[in-house]
Structure formats: C-alpha cells, structure tokens
Amino acid sequence: MPASGSLAANGRARGSVRFEGRELLADGNAAAVRGRGIGFVFQDASGSLTPHRRIGVQLAEVAMAAHGLTHEAAAAEARRMLDSVHLPDAGRRLSQYPHELSGGMRQRVALALALVARPRLLFAG
C-alpha cells in the first residue's frame, strides 16, 4: 500500500489517497497517521512481532506509547486486548515469546497489537 509508507524503493504511487482530510501520498504524511490513525495486520504475524520480547511487553509498550498509560495500566490493557481477540489463556500468553505460540495464536496477538493503539482505520492483508 503506497499510502502506508510501505511502498518499495523502486515503486511509484500516483493519484490521491486521503484520510481524515490529509493527503497521504505526500512525503511524510503516511507515517504521521500510522498507529492511532491507521493500523495494519499483516498475514504473516511473525513480521509484526519481535521474537526476543515477551508478548505482554510488546502489547504494553504500544499501549503506553499510544495512550500514555502507566506500566500497570498498560499491562491490564494488554490482557484485555488478548481477551478481546479470544486468545485462549490470555494471562499466561502475556509472559510467552512469539515462537511459543501456534501460527493462529500469533495472528491473534498481531491483531491485538494493531488494535491496542485504537486505530480509526485498520487494514488487514
């Protein structure tokens, strides 16, 4: 998607992509709306997760950055997000690493990671 800032270096985007009145194809504009504005869930969940960091840490970090939460509030939000995507045994999953989860579980964690910032628009591919 060119408007997401993920266009290949040799790619070219033409036309107009607007989100909330902002032209996204202009240099730097796409990056400004990622996160709380636009979120992404990629089919390969492994690309969204940092392999050497626990699931709960990754979710809490996004919650703190996006909403200014304390560590404790962010940890609670991380648990709530895993519950919202129906990840079985969500509390235990917070302390696990991505490689300890099945592919389907990693996909749910990737979805929770995108949703924890509460984006107004979510792309799934």
Protein backbone atom coordinates (compact mmCIF):
# COMPACT_ATOMS: atom_id res chain seq x y z
CA MET A 1 0.00 0.00 0.00
CA PRO A 2 1.71 3.16 -1.10
CA ALA A 3 -0.19 5.36 1.32
CA SER A 4 1.07 3.38 4.29
CA GLY A 5 4.68 4.27 3.70
CA SER A 6 5.49 0.66 2.78
CA LEU A 7 5.96 1.11 -0.97
CA ALA A 8 9.14 -0.48 -2.31
CA ALA A 9 12.03 1.88 -3.05
CA ASN A 10 11.61 1.31 -6.79
CA GLY A 11 7.81 1.65 -6.62
CA ARG A 12 5.76 4.64 -7.60
CA ALA A 13 2.33 5.76 -6.43
CA ARG A 14 0.05 8.02 -8.41
CA GLY A 15 -3.22 9.65 -7.63
CA SER A 16 -4.61 10.71 -4.32
CA VAL A 17 -5.18 8.91 -1.04
CA ARG A 18 -6.87 10.92 1.68
CA PHE A 19 -7.52 10.03 5.29
CA GLU A 20 -9.34 12.47 7.53
CA GLY A 21 -8.65 15.29 5.09
CA ARG A 22 -4.91 14.63 4.86
CA GLU A 23 -3.20 13.66 1.59
CA LEU A 24 -1.22 10.51 2.39
CA LEU A 25 0.83 10.24 -0.79
CA ALA A 26 2.73 13.41 0.10
CA ASP A 27 6.15 12.72 1.64
CA GLY A 28 5.98 12.02 5.36
CA ASN A 29 2.20 12.22 5.70
CA ALA A 30 1.60 8.45 5.80
CA ALA A 31 3.93 7.95 8.76
CA ALA A 32 2.17 10.67 10.70
CA VAL A 33 -1.14 8.78 10.78
CA ARG A 34 0.13 5.26 11.45
CA GLY A 35 -0.75 3.81 14.83
CA ARG A 36 -3.69 5.71 16.27
CA GLY A 37 -4.89 6.78 12.82
CA ILE A 38 -4.25 3.74 10.65
CA GLY A 39 -3.30 0.27 11.84
CA PHE A 40 -2.07 -2.77 9.93
CA VAL A 41 -2.35 -6.50 10.44
CA PHE A 42 -0.24 -8.50 8.02
CA GLN A 43 -0.97 -12.10 7.10
CA ASP A 44 2.45 -13.19 8.32
CA ALA A 45 2.10 -12.39 12.00
CA SER A 46 5.76 -13.15 12.68
CA GLY A 47 6.72 -9.95 10.89
CA SER A 48 4.67 -7.91 13.37
CA LEU A 49 6.17 -9.47 16.50
CA THR A 50 9.64 -9.09 17.95
CA PRO A 51 10.88 -12.65 18.54
CA HIS A 52 13.07 -11.97 21.60
CA ARG A 53 10.45 -9.95 23.52
CA ARG A 54 7.53 -11.33 25.51
CA ILE A 55 4.05 -10.80 24.11
CA GLY A 56 2.89 -8.76 27.11
CA VAL A 57 5.86 -6.40 26.90
CA GLN A 58 5.18 -5.72 23.22
CA LEU A 59 1.49 -5.01 23.79
CA ALA A 60 2.11 -2.86 26.87
CA GLU A 61 4.77 -0.81 25.07
CA VAL A 62 2.30 0.15 22.33
CA ALA A 63 -0.41 0.92 24.91
CA MET A 64 1.95 3.20 26.84
CA ALA A 65 3.14 4.99 23.71
CA ALA A 66 -0.32 5.42 22.21
CA HIS A 67 -2.25 6.35 25.34
CA GLY A 68 0.30 7.50 27.93
CA LEU A 69 -0.66 4.67 30.29
CA THR A 70 1.33 3.65 33.34
CA HIS A 71 3.08 0.29 33.18
CA GLU A 72 0.37 -1.29 35.34
CA ALA A 73 -2.48 0.14 33.26
CA ALA A 74 -0.73 -0.88 30.05
CA ALA A 75 -0.31 -4.45 31.34
CA ALA A 76 -4.04 -4.57 32.10
CA GLU A 77 -4.81 -3.20 28.63
CA ALA A 78 -2.55 -5.85 27.08
CA ARG A 79 -4.51 -8.57 28.88
CA ARG A 80 -7.82 -7.00 27.82
CA MET A 81 -6.68 -6.92 24.19
CA LEU A 82 -5.72 -10.60 24.22
CA ASP A 83 -9.10 -11.41 25.74
CA SER A 84 -10.84 -9.30 23.07
CA VAL A 85 -9.27 -11.35 20.26
CA HIS A 86 -10.28 -14.56 22.09
CA LEU A 87 -6.76 -15.82 22.68
CA PRO A 88 -7.08 -18.84 24.99
CA ASP A 89 -5.44 -18.49 28.41
CA ALA A 90 -4.60 -14.83 27.74
CA GLY A 91 -2.96 -14.25 31.11
CA ARG A 92 -0.37 -16.97 30.52
CA ARG A 93 0.29 -15.83 26.95
CA LEU A 94 1.49 -12.42 28.16
CA SER A 95 4.69 -13.97 29.51
CA GLN A 96 5.37 -16.09 26.42
CA TYR A 97 7.55 -15.37 23.41
CA PRO A 98 6.12 -15.43 19.87
CA HIS A 99 7.83 -18.73 18.99
CA GLU A 100 5.99 -20.42 21.87
CA LEU A 101 2.63 -19.79 20.20
CA SER A 102 0.97 -21.52 17.26
CA GLY A 103 0.59 -19.63 13.99
CA GLY A 104 -3.07 -18.89 14.72
CA MET A 105 -2.24 -17.60 18.18
CA ARG A 106 0.49 -15.35 16.75
CA GLN A 107 -2.08 -13.99 14.28
CA ARG A 108 -4.40 -13.10 17.17
CA VAL A 109 -1.53 -11.41 19.01
CA ALA A 110 -0.68 -9.42 15.87
CA LEU A 111 -4.32 -8.32 15.68
CA ALA A 112 -4.27 -7.32 19.36
CA LEU A 113 -1.02 -5.41 18.75
CA ALA A 114 -2.69 -3.41 15.97
CA LEU A 115 -5.87 -2.82 17.99
CA VAL A 116 -4.20 -1.74 21.23
CA ALA A 117 -3.43 1.66 19.66
CA ARG A 118 -7.16 2.01 18.84
CA PRO A 119 -6.68 2.99 15.20
CA ARG A 120 -9.59 4.64 13.39
CA LEU A 121 -8.90 2.56 10.27
CA LEU A 122 -7.46 -0.96 10.22
CA PHE A 123 -6.03 -2.71 7.15
CA ALA A 124 -5.70 -6.50 7.22
CA GLY A 125 -3.86 -8.29 4.48
